[in-house]
């Protein structure tokens, strides 16, 4: 019964977001290409980075992990006035498209149910990474600015690729990577409708889930 419900949800999703020009592989390639371009340009701007400036990398990583957690636990799963579309796209569409019993892609057309639209990547860069980077550039140092942007964009790419692999066939080459099974199980447990509003909000590494006590490993 659940599989039939998922099948209907996927058909409805594709009907709502239909585009004869959509290409799943191109969507994935665009995400990777833009992210690596921004990362490369940021890396090229670094000059004689001091030991203290390198601390920007782990701090940005932890900040990104917290942002991922709070964004997922908050507006993605609790409807708010100004971010209702985020709630709709994630809680309603994504969690109907994929459940813990039906978590894998049927075809490359399904990629749009996981990957952020490229326009949102531009929005992320323009509204978050660039303004913070500008503040760091002017009030801390150029190196700290570019290390922040470099780490943030690579974290975003890491997020997208891990989330993508979680919804691939677990027996695929990427799905069989040594560390992938544990991370995938963490995320797929989140797709259990009885757990999704309470547990496993980190999509990459469950650091904040551990800190805030919202981790579920299926053992209880």
N, C-alpha and C. Protein backbone atom coordinates (compact mmCIF):
# COMPACT_ATOMS: atom_id res chain seq x y z
N UNK A 1 0.84 -1.21 0.00
CA UNK A 1 0.00 0.00 0.00
C UNK A 1 0.87 1.25 0.00
N UNK A 2 1.92 1.26 0.84
CA UNK A 2 2.79 2.42 0.90
C UNK A 2 3.50 2.65 -0.42
N UNK A 3 3.95 1.56 -1.06
CA UNK A 3 4.65 1.70 -2.34
C UNK A 3 3.73 2.30 -3.40
N UNK A 4 2.46 1.93 -3.37
CA UNK A 4 1.50 2.49 -4.32
C UNK A 4 1.30 3.98 -4.04
N UNK A 5 1.26 4.35 -2.77
CA UNK A 5 1.11 5.76 -2.39
C UNK A 5 2.31 6.57 -2.86
N UNK A 6 3.50 6.01 -2.69
CA UNK A 6 4.72 6.68 -3.15
C UNK A 6 4.70 6.84 -4.67
N UNK A 7 4.28 5.81 -5.35
CA UNK A 7 4.21 5.86 -6.82
C UNK A 7 3.29 6.99 -7.26
N UNK A 8 2.16 7.14 -6.60
CA UNK A 8 1.22 8.21 -6.93
C UNK A 8 1.81 9.58 -6.61
N UNK A 9 2.51 9.67 -5.48
CA UNK A 9 3.14 10.94 -5.10
C UNK A 9 4.21 11.35 -6.10
N UNK A 10 4.96 10.38 -6.59
CA UNK A 10 6.01 10.68 -7.57
C UNK A 10 5.39 11.14 -8.90
N UNK A 11 4.33 10.49 -9.29
CA UNK A 11 3.66 10.89 -10.53
C UNK A 11 3.11 12.31 -10.41
N UNK A 12 2.53 12.62 -9.26
CA UNK A 12 1.99 13.97 -9.04
C UNK A 12 3.11 15.01 -9.01
N UNK A 13 4.24 14.67 -8.40
CA UNK A 13 5.38 15.58 -8.35
C UNK A 13 5.87 15.89 -9.76
N UNK A 14 6.04 14.86 -10.57
CA UNK A 14 6.53 15.07 -11.93
C UNK A 14 5.54 15.87 -12.77
N UNK A 15 4.26 15.69 -12.50
CA UNK A 15 3.25 16.46 -13.24
C UNK A 15 3.33 17.94 -12.86
N UNK A 16 3.53 18.23 -11.57
CA UNK A 16 3.61 19.61 -11.10
C UNK A 16 4.87 20.30 -11.58
N UNK A 17 5.96 19.55 -11.66
CA UNK A 17 7.26 20.14 -11.99
C UNK A 17 7.77 19.67 -13.35
N UNK A 18 6.84 19.34 -14.22
CA UNK A 18 7.22 18.81 -15.53
C UNK A 18 7.97 19.84 -16.36
N UNK A 19 9.01 19.38 -17.04
CA UNK A 19 9.74 20.21 -17.99
C UNK A 19 10.42 19.29 -19.01
N UNK A 20 10.10 19.50 -20.27
CA UNK A 20 10.69 18.65 -21.29
C UNK A 20 12.17 18.91 -21.45
N UNK A 21 12.65 20.01 -20.87
CA UNK A 21 14.07 20.35 -20.99
C UNK A 21 14.90 19.84 -19.82
N UNK A 22 14.23 19.27 -18.81
CA UNK A 22 14.98 18.85 -17.62
C UNK A 22 15.85 17.63 -17.91
N UNK A 23 17.08 17.69 -17.41
CA UNK A 23 18.01 16.56 -17.50
C UNK A 23 18.62 16.35 -16.12
N UNK A 24 18.38 15.20 -15.52
CA UNK A 24 18.94 14.90 -14.22
C UNK A 24 20.45 14.95 -14.18
N UNK A 25 21.13 14.27 -15.12
CA UNK A 25 22.60 14.33 -15.14
C UNK A 25 23.14 15.75 -15.32
N UNK A 26 22.46 16.57 -16.14
CA UNK A 26 22.89 17.95 -16.33
C UNK A 26 22.69 18.75 -15.04
N UNK A 27 21.61 18.51 -14.34
CA UNK A 27 21.34 19.17 -13.07
C UNK A 27 22.47 18.86 -12.08
N UNK A 28 22.82 17.60 -11.99
CA UNK A 28 23.90 17.18 -11.09
C UNK A 28 25.23 17.80 -11.51
N UNK A 29 25.52 17.75 -12.80
CA UNK A 29 26.78 18.30 -13.30
C UNK A 29 26.86 19.81 -13.08
N UNK A 30 25.74 20.51 -13.23
CA UNK A 30 25.72 21.96 -13.02
C UNK A 30 26.01 22.29 -11.56
N UNK A 31 25.40 21.55 -10.65
CA UNK A 31 25.65 21.75 -9.22
C UNK A 31 27.12 21.56 -8.89
N UNK A 32 27.70 20.48 -9.40
CA UNK A 32 29.12 20.19 -9.13
C UNK A 32 30.01 21.26 -9.76
N UNK A 33 29.72 21.62 -11.01
CA UNK A 33 30.57 22.57 -11.73
C UNK A 33 30.57 23.95 -11.08
N UNK A 34 29.40 24.47 -10.73
CA UNK A 34 29.32 25.79 -10.11
C UNK A 34 30.03 25.79 -8.76
N UNK A 35 29.79 24.75 -7.99
CA UNK A 35 30.41 24.66 -6.66
C UNK A 35 31.93 24.61 -6.76
N UNK A 36 32.44 23.78 -7.66
CA UNK A 36 33.89 23.66 -7.81
C UNK A 36 34.51 24.93 -8.39
N UNK A 37 33.77 25.62 -9.25
CA UNK A 37 34.27 26.88 -9.80
C UNK A 37 34.43 27.92 -8.69
N UNK A 38 33.40 28.06 -7.87
CA UNK A 38 33.47 29.02 -6.76
C UNK A 38 34.58 28.63 -5.78
N UNK A 39 34.69 27.34 -5.50
CA UNK A 39 35.74 26.87 -4.58
C UNK A 39 37.13 27.14 -5.15
N UNK A 40 37.30 26.89 -6.44
CA UNK A 40 38.60 27.11 -7.09
C UNK A 40 38.98 28.59 -7.08
N UNK A 41 38.03 29.45 -7.41
CA UNK A 41 38.30 30.89 -7.41
C UNK A 41 38.66 31.38 -6.01
N UNK A 42 37.97 30.85 -5.01
CA UNK A 42 38.27 31.23 -3.62
C UNK A 42 39.66 30.78 -3.23
N UNK A 43 40.02 29.55 -3.60
CA UNK A 43 41.34 29.02 -3.26
C UNK A 43 42.45 29.82 -3.94
N UNK A 44 42.19 30.26 -5.16
CA UNK A 44 43.20 31.04 -5.90
C UNK A 44 43.47 32.40 -5.26
N UNK A 45 42.53 32.89 -4.47
CA UNK A 45 42.68 34.21 -3.87
C UNK A 45 43.46 34.17 -2.56
N UNK A 46 43.74 32.99 -2.05
CA UNK A 46 44.45 32.88 -0.78
C UNK A 46 45.92 33.24 -0.93
N UNK A 47 46.45 33.96 0.06
CA UNK A 47 47.86 34.35 0.03
C UNK A 47 48.45 34.26 1.44
N UNK A 48 49.46 33.42 1.58
CA UNK A 48 50.20 33.31 2.84
C UNK A 48 49.26 33.23 4.05
N UNK A 49 48.45 32.19 4.05
CA UNK A 49 47.46 32.01 5.11
C UNK A 49 48.17 31.70 6.43
N UNK A 50 47.81 32.43 7.47
CA UNK A 50 48.42 32.20 8.78
C UNK A 50 47.74 31.02 9.48
N UNK A 51 48.38 30.50 10.51
CA UNK A 51 47.83 29.38 11.26
C UNK A 51 46.48 29.76 11.87
N UNK A 52 46.39 30.96 12.39
CA UNK A 52 45.14 31.41 12.99
C UNK A 52 44.03 31.53 11.95
N UNK A 53 44.37 31.97 10.76
CA UNK A 53 43.36 32.10 9.70
C UNK A 53 42.81 30.74 9.28
N UNK A 54 43.64 29.69 9.36
CA UNK A 54 43.17 28.35 8.99
C UNK A 54 42.06 27.86 9.92
N UNK A 55 41.98 28.44 11.11
CA UNK A 55 40.91 28.06 12.05
C UNK A 55 39.53 28.35 11.45
N UNK A 56 39.50 29.23 10.45
CA UNK A 56 38.24 29.54 9.75
C UNK A 56 37.60 28.28 9.19
N UNK A 57 38.41 27.33 8.73
CA UNK A 57 37.87 26.13 8.08
C UNK A 57 37.03 25.29 9.05
N UNK A 58 37.57 24.84 10.19
CA UNK A 58 36.71 24.05 11.09
C UNK A 58 35.55 24.84 11.68
N UNK A 59 35.75 26.14 11.92
CA UNK A 59 34.65 26.95 12.44
C UNK A 59 33.51 27.07 11.43
N UNK A 60 33.87 27.26 10.16
CA UNK A 60 32.84 27.34 9.11
C UNK A 60 32.14 26.00 8.94
N UNK A 61 32.90 24.93 9.02
CA UNK A 61 32.32 23.58 8.92
C UNK A 61 31.28 23.37 10.02
N UNK A 62 31.62 23.71 11.24
CA UNK A 62 30.68 23.53 12.36
C UNK A 62 29.48 24.46 12.23
N UNK A 63 29.73 25.69 11.76
CA UNK A 63 28.64 26.63 11.53
C UNK A 63 27.68 26.09 10.46
N UNK A 64 28.24 25.52 9.39
CA UNK A 64 27.42 24.96 8.32
C UNK A 64 26.62 23.76 8.82
N UNK A 65 27.24 22.93 9.65
CA UNK A 65 26.54 21.77 10.20
C UNK A 65 25.37 22.20 11.08
N UNK A 66 25.59 23.26 11.87
CA UNK A 66 24.52 23.79 12.71
C UNK A 66 23.41 24.41 11.86
N UNK A 67 23.79 25.14 10.81
CA UNK A 67 22.80 25.75 9.92
C UNK A 67 21.96 24.69 9.22
N UNK A 68 22.62 23.64 8.76
CA UNK A 68 21.93 22.51 8.13
C UNK A 68 20.91 21.91 9.10
N UNK A 69 21.34 21.71 10.32
CA UNK A 69 20.48 21.10 11.34
C UNK A 69 19.28 21.99 11.66
N UNK A 70 19.54 23.26 11.95
CA UNK A 70 18.46 24.17 12.34
C UNK A 70 17.50 24.43 11.19
N UNK A 71 18.04 24.56 9.96
CA UNK A 71 17.18 24.76 8.81
C UNK A 71 16.27 23.57 8.56
N UNK A 72 16.81 22.38 8.76
CA UNK A 72 16.05 21.15 8.53
C UNK A 72 15.04 20.93 9.64
N UNK A 73 15.49 21.09 10.87
CA UNK A 73 14.58 20.89 12.01
C UNK A 73 13.52 21.98 12.08
N UNK A 74 13.87 23.19 11.63
CA UNK A 74 12.95 24.32 11.71
C UNK A 74 12.03 24.44 10.51
N UNK A 75 12.29 25.36 9.59
CA UNK A 75 11.33 25.66 8.52
C UNK A 75 11.05 24.51 7.55
N UNK A 76 11.98 23.57 7.41
CA UNK A 76 11.71 22.46 6.50
C UNK A 76 10.64 21.51 7.06
N UNK A 77 10.50 21.48 8.39
CA UNK A 77 9.52 20.58 9.01
C UNK A 77 8.47 21.28 9.84
N UNK A 78 8.54 22.60 9.94
CA UNK A 78 7.53 23.37 10.66
C UNK A 78 7.16 24.58 9.81
N UNK A 79 5.92 24.62 9.38
CA UNK A 79 5.48 25.64 8.44
C UNK A 79 5.53 27.02 9.08
N UNK A 80 6.16 27.96 8.37
CA UNK A 80 6.22 29.34 8.81
C UNK A 80 5.63 30.24 7.72
N UNK A 81 5.32 31.45 8.10
CA UNK A 81 4.64 32.36 7.17
C UNK A 81 5.48 32.67 5.94
N UNK A 82 6.76 32.94 6.13
CA UNK A 82 7.59 33.41 5.02
C UNK A 82 8.33 32.29 4.30
N UNK A 83 8.35 31.10 4.90
CA UNK A 83 9.08 29.99 4.27
C UNK A 83 8.15 28.80 4.04
N UNK A 84 6.90 29.09 3.74
CA UNK A 84 5.93 28.01 3.54
C UNK A 84 6.26 27.15 2.34
N UNK A 85 6.88 27.74 1.30
CA UNK A 85 7.26 26.97 0.12
C UNK A 85 8.37 25.97 0.44
N UNK A 86 9.28 26.36 1.34
CA UNK A 86 10.33 25.45 1.78
C UNK A 86 9.72 24.25 2.49
N UNK A 87 8.76 24.52 3.38
CA UNK A 87 8.05 23.45 4.08
C UNK A 87 7.33 22.54 3.09
N UNK A 88 6.63 23.14 2.15
CA UNK A 88 5.88 22.36 1.17
C UNK A 88 6.80 21.47 0.35
N UNK A 89 7.89 22.05 -0.14
CA UNK A 89 8.79 21.29 -1.00
C UNK A 89 9.46 20.15 -0.24
N UNK A 90 9.78 20.39 1.03
CA UNK A 90 10.49 19.35 1.78
C UNK A 90 9.54 18.38 2.49
N UNK A 91 8.78 18.88 3.44
CA UNK A 91 7.95 17.99 4.26
C UNK A 91 6.86 17.28 3.46
N UNK A 92 6.26 18.00 2.54
CA UNK A 92 5.15 17.41 1.79
C UNK A 92 5.64 16.67 0.55
N UNK A 93 6.41 17.35 -0.29
CA UNK A 93 6.80 16.72 -1.56
C UNK A 93 7.94 15.72 -1.39
N UNK A 94 9.05 16.16 -0.79
CA UNK A 94 10.21 15.27 -0.68
C UNK A 94 9.90 14.05 0.17
N UNK A 95 9.19 14.25 1.28
CA UNK A 95 8.90 13.12 2.18
C UNK A 95 7.75 12.25 1.67
N UNK A 96 7.03 12.68 0.67
CA UNK A 96 6.06 11.81 0.00
C UNK A 96 6.73 11.07 -1.14
N UNK A 97 7.71 11.72 -1.75
CA UNK A 97 8.45 11.13 -2.87
C UNK A 97 9.34 9.99 -2.38
N UNK A 98 9.96 10.18 -1.22
CA UNK A 98 10.85 9.16 -0.64
C UNK A 98 10.39 8.84 0.78
N UNK A 99 10.24 7.55 1.07
CA UNK A 99 9.97 7.10 2.43
C UNK A 99 11.06 6.12 2.82
N UNK A 100 11.05 5.69 4.07
CA UNK A 100 12.06 4.72 4.48
C UNK A 100 11.89 3.38 3.79
N UNK A 101 10.70 3.12 3.25
CA UNK A 101 10.45 1.87 2.52
C UNK A 101 10.68 2.02 1.02
N UNK A 102 10.68 3.23 0.53
CA UNK A 102 10.89 3.49 -0.91
C UNK A 102 11.77 4.72 -1.03
N UNK A 103 13.08 4.51 -0.86
CA UNK A 103 14.01 5.63 -0.71
C UNK A 103 14.90 5.89 -1.91
N UNK A 104 14.78 5.10 -2.97
CA UNK A 104 15.73 5.22 -4.08
C UNK A 104 15.08 5.81 -5.33
N UNK A 105 15.93 6.40 -6.16
CA UNK A 105 15.50 6.95 -7.45
C UNK A 105 14.93 5.85 -8.35
N UNK A 106 13.91 6.20 -9.11
CA UNK A 106 13.44 5.32 -10.18
C UNK A 106 14.19 5.61 -11.48
N UNK A 107 14.50 6.89 -11.70
CA UNK A 107 15.20 7.30 -12.91
C UNK A 107 15.88 8.63 -12.66
N UNK A 108 16.64 9.10 -13.64
CA UNK A 108 17.34 10.38 -13.49
C UNK A 108 16.37 11.56 -13.42
N UNK A 109 15.12 11.37 -13.85
CA UNK A 109 14.12 12.44 -13.72
C UNK A 109 13.80 12.73 -12.26
N UNK A 110 14.11 11.77 -11.40
CA UNK A 110 13.84 11.94 -9.97
C UNK A 110 14.87 12.81 -9.27
N UNK A 111 15.96 13.13 -9.95
CA UNK A 111 17.03 13.90 -9.29
C UNK A 111 16.53 15.24 -8.77
N UNK A 112 15.55 15.80 -9.46
CA UNK A 112 15.06 17.13 -9.05
C UNK A 112 14.35 17.09 -7.70
N UNK A 113 13.99 15.89 -7.24
CA UNK A 113 13.37 15.77 -5.92
C UNK A 113 14.39 15.80 -4.79
N UNK A 114 15.68 15.76 -5.13
CA UNK A 114 16.76 15.77 -4.14
C UNK A 114 17.65 16.99 -4.29
N UNK A 115 18.11 17.26 -5.50
CA UNK A 115 19.05 18.36 -5.72
C UNK A 115 18.35 19.71 -5.66
N UNK A 116 19.03 20.69 -5.06
CA UNK A 116 18.51 22.05 -5.08
C UNK A 116 18.54 22.58 -6.51
N UNK A 117 17.54 23.36 -6.91
CA UNK A 117 17.61 24.02 -8.22
C UNK A 117 18.83 24.93 -8.28
N UNK A 118 19.49 25.03 -9.43
CA UNK A 118 20.67 25.91 -9.55
C UNK A 118 20.39 27.34 -9.11
N UNK A 119 19.16 27.81 -9.28
CA UNK A 119 18.84 29.18 -8.88
C UNK A 119 18.97 29.35 -7.37
N UNK A 120 18.71 28.27 -6.61
CA UNK A 120 18.88 28.34 -5.16
C UNK A 120 20.34 28.37 -4.76
N UNK A 121 21.18 27.76 -5.58
CA UNK A 121 22.62 27.86 -5.33
C UNK A 121 23.07 29.31 -5.51
N UNK A 122 22.57 29.95 -6.56
CA UNK A 122 22.88 31.37 -6.76
C UNK A 122 22.33 32.22 -5.61
N UNK A 123 21.14 31.87 -5.13
CA UNK A 123 20.55 32.58 -3.99
C UNK A 123 21.40 32.40 -2.74
N UNK A 124 21.86 31.18 -2.51
CA UNK A 124 22.71 30.88 -1.35
C UNK A 124 23.99 31.71 -1.41
N UNK A 125 24.60 31.76 -2.58
CA UNK A 125 25.84 32.52 -2.72
C UNK A 125 25.59 34.02 -2.56
N UNK A 126 24.53 34.50 -3.20
CA UNK A 126 24.28 35.93 -3.19
C UNK A 126 23.76 36.48 -1.87
N UNK A 127 22.97 35.69 -1.16
CA UNK A 127 22.31 36.20 0.05
C UNK A 127 22.98 35.77 1.35
N UNK A 128 23.84 34.76 1.29
CA UNK A 128 24.46 34.28 2.52
C UNK A 128 25.98 34.31 2.45
N UNK A 129 26.55 33.57 1.51
CA UNK A 129 28.02 33.46 1.45
C UNK A 129 28.68 34.80 1.14
N UNK A 130 28.16 35.52 0.15
CA UNK A 130 28.80 36.76 -0.27
C UNK A 130 28.72 37.87 0.79
N UNK A 131 27.54 38.12 1.39
CA UNK A 131 27.50 39.16 2.43
C UNK A 131 28.39 38.86 3.63
N UNK A 132 28.36 37.61 4.11
CA UNK A 132 29.23 37.24 5.23
C UNK A 132 30.69 37.36 4.82
N UNK A 133 30.98 36.89 3.59
CA UNK A 133 32.34 37.00 3.08
C UNK A 133 32.80 38.45 3.01
N UNK A 134 31.91 39.35 2.59
CA UNK A 134 32.26 40.77 2.50
C UNK A 134 32.58 41.35 3.87
N UNK A 135 31.81 40.96 4.87
CA UNK A 135 32.07 41.43 6.23
C UNK A 135 33.43 40.93 6.72
N UNK A 136 33.69 39.65 6.48
CA UNK A 136 34.97 39.08 6.90
C UNK A 136 36.13 39.73 6.14
N UNK A 137 35.92 40.00 4.86
CA UNK A 137 36.98 40.62 4.04
C UNK A 137 37.35 41.99 4.60
N UNK A 138 36.36 42.76 4.96
CA UNK A 138 36.60 44.14 5.38
C UNK A 138 36.98 44.29 6.84
N UNK A 139 36.51 43.37 7.68
CA UNK A 139 36.71 43.55 9.12
C UNK A 139 37.63 42.51 9.76
N UNK A 140 37.96 41.44 9.03
CA UNK A 140 38.89 40.45 9.57
C UNK A 140 40.11 40.38 8.66
N UNK A 141 39.98 39.64 7.54
CA UNK A 141 41.06 39.61 6.56
C UNK A 141 40.55 38.97 5.28
N UNK A 142 41.17 39.27 4.12
CA UNK A 142 40.77 38.63 2.87
C UNK A 142 40.88 37.10 2.94
N UNK A 143 41.94 36.60 3.57
CA UNK A 143 42.10 35.15 3.66
C UNK A 143 40.95 34.49 4.41
N UNK A 144 40.53 35.09 5.50
CA UNK A 144 39.40 34.54 6.26
C UNK A 144 38.13 34.55 5.41
N UNK A 145 37.94 35.61 4.66
CA UNK A 145 36.80 35.70 3.74
C UNK A 145 36.80 34.54 2.75
N UNK A 146 37.91 34.34 2.07
CA UNK A 146 37.95 33.32 1.02
C UNK A 146 37.96 31.91 1.60
N UNK A 147 38.52 31.72 2.78
CA UNK A 147 38.44 30.42 3.44
C UNK A 147 37.01 30.11 3.85
N UNK A 148 36.29 31.13 4.28
CA UNK A 148 34.88 30.95 4.62
C UNK A 148 34.07 30.53 3.40
N UNK A 149 34.22 31.27 2.30
CA UNK A 149 33.47 30.95 1.08
C UNK A 149 33.87 29.57 0.56
N UNK A 150 35.16 29.28 0.56
CA UNK A 150 35.66 27.98 0.09
C UNK A 150 35.06 26.84 0.90
N UNK A 151 35.10 26.95 2.22
CA UNK A 151 34.58 25.89 3.07
C UNK A 151 33.07 25.77 2.95
N UNK A 152 32.38 26.91 2.91
CA UNK A 152 30.92 26.90 2.82
C UNK A 152 30.44 26.25 1.53
N UNK A 153 31.06 26.59 0.41
CA UNK A 153 30.60 26.03 -0.86
C UNK A 153 30.93 24.55 -0.98
N UNK A 154 32.07 24.14 -0.42
CA UNK A 154 32.41 22.71 -0.44
C UNK A 154 31.50 21.93 0.51
N UNK A 155 31.10 22.56 1.61
CA UNK A 155 30.14 21.90 2.50
C UNK A 155 28.80 21.73 1.77
N UNK A 156 28.39 22.77 1.06
CA UNK A 156 27.15 22.67 0.29
C UNK A 156 27.23 21.53 -0.73
N UNK A 157 28.35 21.45 -1.44
CA UNK A 157 28.51 20.39 -2.43
C UNK A 157 28.52 19.02 -1.75
N UNK A 158 29.19 18.93 -0.63
CA UNK A 158 29.22 17.69 0.14
C UNK A 158 27.80 17.28 0.56
N UNK A 159 27.02 18.25 0.99
CA UNK A 159 25.62 18.04 1.35
C UNK A 159 24.84 17.46 0.17
N UNK A 160 24.96 18.11 -0.96
CA UNK A 160 24.21 17.69 -2.15
C UNK A 160 24.61 16.29 -2.60
N UNK A 161 25.91 16.00 -2.61
CA UNK A 161 26.37 14.70 -3.10
C UNK A 161 26.01 13.58 -2.13
N UNK A 162 26.16 13.82 -0.83
CA UNK A 162 25.78 12.79 0.13
C UNK A 162 24.28 12.52 0.05
N UNK A 163 23.48 13.56 0.03
CA UNK A 163 22.03 13.39 -0.06
C UNK A 163 21.65 12.65 -1.34
N UNK A 164 22.35 12.96 -2.41
CA UNK A 164 22.11 12.29 -3.69
C UNK A 164 22.41 10.79 -3.57
N UNK A 165 23.55 10.45 -2.98
CA UNK A 165 23.94 9.04 -2.87
C UNK A 165 23.00 8.28 -1.94
N UNK A 166 22.50 8.93 -0.90
CA UNK A 166 21.56 8.25 -0.01
C UNK A 166 20.35 7.71 -0.76
N UNK A 167 19.96 8.41 -1.83
CA UNK A 167 18.77 8.01 -2.58
C UNK A 167 19.11 7.21 -3.84
N UNK A 168 20.38 6.84 -3.98
CA UNK A 168 20.77 5.90 -5.02
C UNK A 168 20.56 4.47 -4.52
N UNK A 169 20.70 3.52 -5.41
CA UNK A 169 20.69 2.11 -5.03
C UNK A 169 21.82 1.87 -4.03
N UNK A 170 21.54 1.35 -2.84
CA UNK A 170 22.62 1.12 -1.87
C UNK A 170 23.68 0.14 -2.34
N UNK A 171 23.37 -0.64 -3.39
CA UNK A 171 24.35 -1.57 -3.93
C UNK A 171 25.17 -0.97 -5.07
N UNK A 172 24.94 0.31 -5.36
CA UNK A 172 25.76 0.98 -6.37
C UNK A 172 27.16 1.18 -5.84
N UNK A 173 28.08 1.54 -6.72
CA UNK A 173 29.47 1.73 -6.29
C UNK A 173 29.58 2.79 -5.20
N UNK A 174 28.90 3.92 -5.39
CA UNK A 174 28.94 4.97 -4.38
C UNK A 174 28.25 4.53 -3.10
N UNK A 175 27.16 3.80 -3.25
CA UNK A 175 26.41 3.35 -2.08
C UNK A 175 27.16 2.35 -1.23
N UNK A 176 28.16 1.69 -1.80
CA UNK A 176 28.93 0.68 -1.08
C UNK A 176 30.23 1.23 -0.48
N UNK A 177 30.42 2.55 -0.56
CA UNK A 177 31.59 3.13 0.10
C UNK A 177 31.55 2.81 1.59
N UNK A 178 32.72 2.59 2.21
CA UNK A 178 32.77 2.09 3.60
C UNK A 178 31.95 2.89 4.60
N UNK A 179 31.94 4.20 4.47
CA UNK A 179 31.27 5.05 5.45
C UNK A 179 29.81 5.33 5.09
N UNK A 180 29.40 4.95 3.87
CA UNK A 180 28.12 5.41 3.35
C UNK A 180 26.93 4.72 4.01
N UNK A 181 27.07 3.46 4.35
CA UNK A 181 25.94 2.72 4.90
C UNK A 181 25.42 3.36 6.18
N UNK A 182 26.33 3.73 7.06
CA UNK A 182 25.92 4.33 8.34
C UNK A 182 25.25 5.68 8.13
N UNK A 183 25.84 6.52 7.26
CA UNK A 183 25.24 7.83 6.99
C UNK A 183 23.89 7.68 6.30
N UNK A 184 23.82 6.75 5.35
CA UNK A 184 22.56 6.53 4.64
C UNK A 184 21.47 6.06 5.59
N UNK A 185 21.79 5.12 6.46
CA UNK A 185 20.79 4.64 7.41
C UNK A 185 20.29 5.76 8.32
N UNK A 186 21.21 6.64 8.70
CA UNK A 186 20.82 7.80 9.52
C UNK A 186 19.77 8.63 8.80
N UNK A 187 19.99 8.86 7.52
CA UNK A 187 19.06 9.69 6.75
C UNK A 187 17.76 8.94 6.43
N UNK A 188 17.87 7.68 6.05
CA UNK A 188 16.66 6.93 5.69
C UNK A 188 15.75 6.75 6.89
N UNK A 189 16.31 6.61 8.09
CA UNK A 189 15.47 6.57 9.29
C UNK A 189 14.66 7.86 9.42
N UNK A 190 15.25 8.97 9.02
CA UNK A 190 14.54 10.25 9.06
C UNK A 190 13.32 10.24 8.13
N UNK A 191 13.37 9.44 7.08
CA UNK A 191 12.25 9.38 6.14
C UNK A 191 11.10 8.51 6.64
N UNK A 192 11.26 7.91 7.81
CA UNK A 192 10.14 7.24 8.46
C UNK A 192 9.18 8.33 8.96
N UNK A 193 7.95 8.32 8.49
CA UNK A 193 7.02 9.41 8.80
C UNK A 193 6.76 9.57 10.30
N UNK A 194 6.96 8.51 11.07
CA UNK A 194 6.75 8.62 12.51
C UNK A 194 7.95 9.23 13.22
N UNK A 195 9.07 9.39 12.50
CA UNK A 195 10.30 9.91 13.10
C UNK A 195 10.72 11.26 12.54
N UNK A 196 10.21 11.64 11.38
CA UNK A 196 10.82 12.72 10.60
C UNK A 196 10.77 14.09 11.27
N UNK A 197 9.81 14.32 12.16
CA UNK A 197 9.74 15.63 12.82
C UNK A 197 10.50 15.66 14.15
N UNK A 198 11.11 14.54 14.50
CA UNK A 198 11.77 14.45 15.82
C UNK A 198 13.24 14.06 15.76
N UNK A 199 13.67 13.36 14.71
CA UNK A 199 15.00 12.77 14.72
C UNK A 199 15.76 12.96 13.40
N UNK A 200 17.09 12.89 13.52
CA UNK A 200 18.01 12.79 12.38
C UNK A 200 17.88 13.93 11.38
N UNK A 201 18.10 15.13 11.88
CA UNK A 201 17.98 16.31 11.03
C UNK A 201 19.26 16.64 10.27
N UNK A 202 20.40 16.20 10.76
CA UNK A 202 21.63 16.38 9.98
C UNK A 202 21.58 15.47 8.76
N UNK A 203 21.90 16.02 7.61
CA UNK A 203 21.91 15.25 6.37
C UNK A 203 23.32 14.79 6.04
N UNK A 204 24.30 15.56 6.45
CA UNK A 204 25.69 15.16 6.21
C UNK A 204 26.20 14.33 7.38
N UNK A 205 26.73 14.98 8.38
CA UNK A 205 27.33 14.29 9.52
C UNK A 205 26.54 14.64 10.78
N UNK A 206 26.10 13.65 11.56
CA UNK A 206 25.16 13.90 12.66
C UNK A 206 25.78 14.51 13.91
N UNK A 207 26.55 15.56 13.71
CA UNK A 207 27.21 16.24 14.84
C UNK A 207 26.17 16.91 15.72
N UNK A 208 25.33 17.74 15.12
CA UNK A 208 24.32 18.46 15.90
C UNK A 208 23.22 17.54 16.41
N UNK A 209 22.92 16.48 15.67
CA UNK A 209 21.97 15.49 16.19
C UNK A 209 22.48 14.90 17.49
N UNK A 210 23.78 14.64 17.56
CA UNK A 210 24.38 14.14 18.80
C UNK A 210 24.30 15.19 19.91
N UNK A 211 24.66 16.42 19.57
CA UNK A 211 24.69 17.49 20.56
C UNK A 211 23.31 17.76 21.15
N UNK A 212 22.29 17.79 20.28
CA UNK A 212 20.94 18.16 20.72
C UNK A 212 20.06 16.95 21.06
N UNK A 213 20.63 15.76 21.02
CA UNK A 213 19.90 14.57 21.44
C UNK A 213 18.77 14.16 20.52
N UNK A 214 18.93 14.41 19.22
CA UNK A 214 17.88 14.06 18.26
C UNK A 214 18.32 12.96 17.31
N UNK A 215 19.21 12.11 17.76
CA UNK A 215 19.70 11.04 16.90
C UNK A 215 18.91 9.76 17.17
N UNK A 216 18.55 9.08 16.10
CA UNK A 216 17.86 7.80 16.18
C UNK A 216 18.59 6.83 15.29
N UNK A 217 19.05 5.72 15.86
CA UNK A 217 19.82 4.76 15.07
C UNK A 217 19.08 3.46 14.81
N UNK A 218 17.83 3.39 15.24
CA UNK A 218 17.03 2.21 14.96
C UNK A 218 17.24 1.07 15.92
N UNK A 219 18.03 1.28 16.95
CA UNK A 219 18.35 0.19 17.88
C UNK A 219 17.33 0.07 19.01
N UNK A 220 16.57 1.12 19.22
CA UNK A 220 15.61 1.09 20.33
C UNK A 220 14.23 0.64 19.86
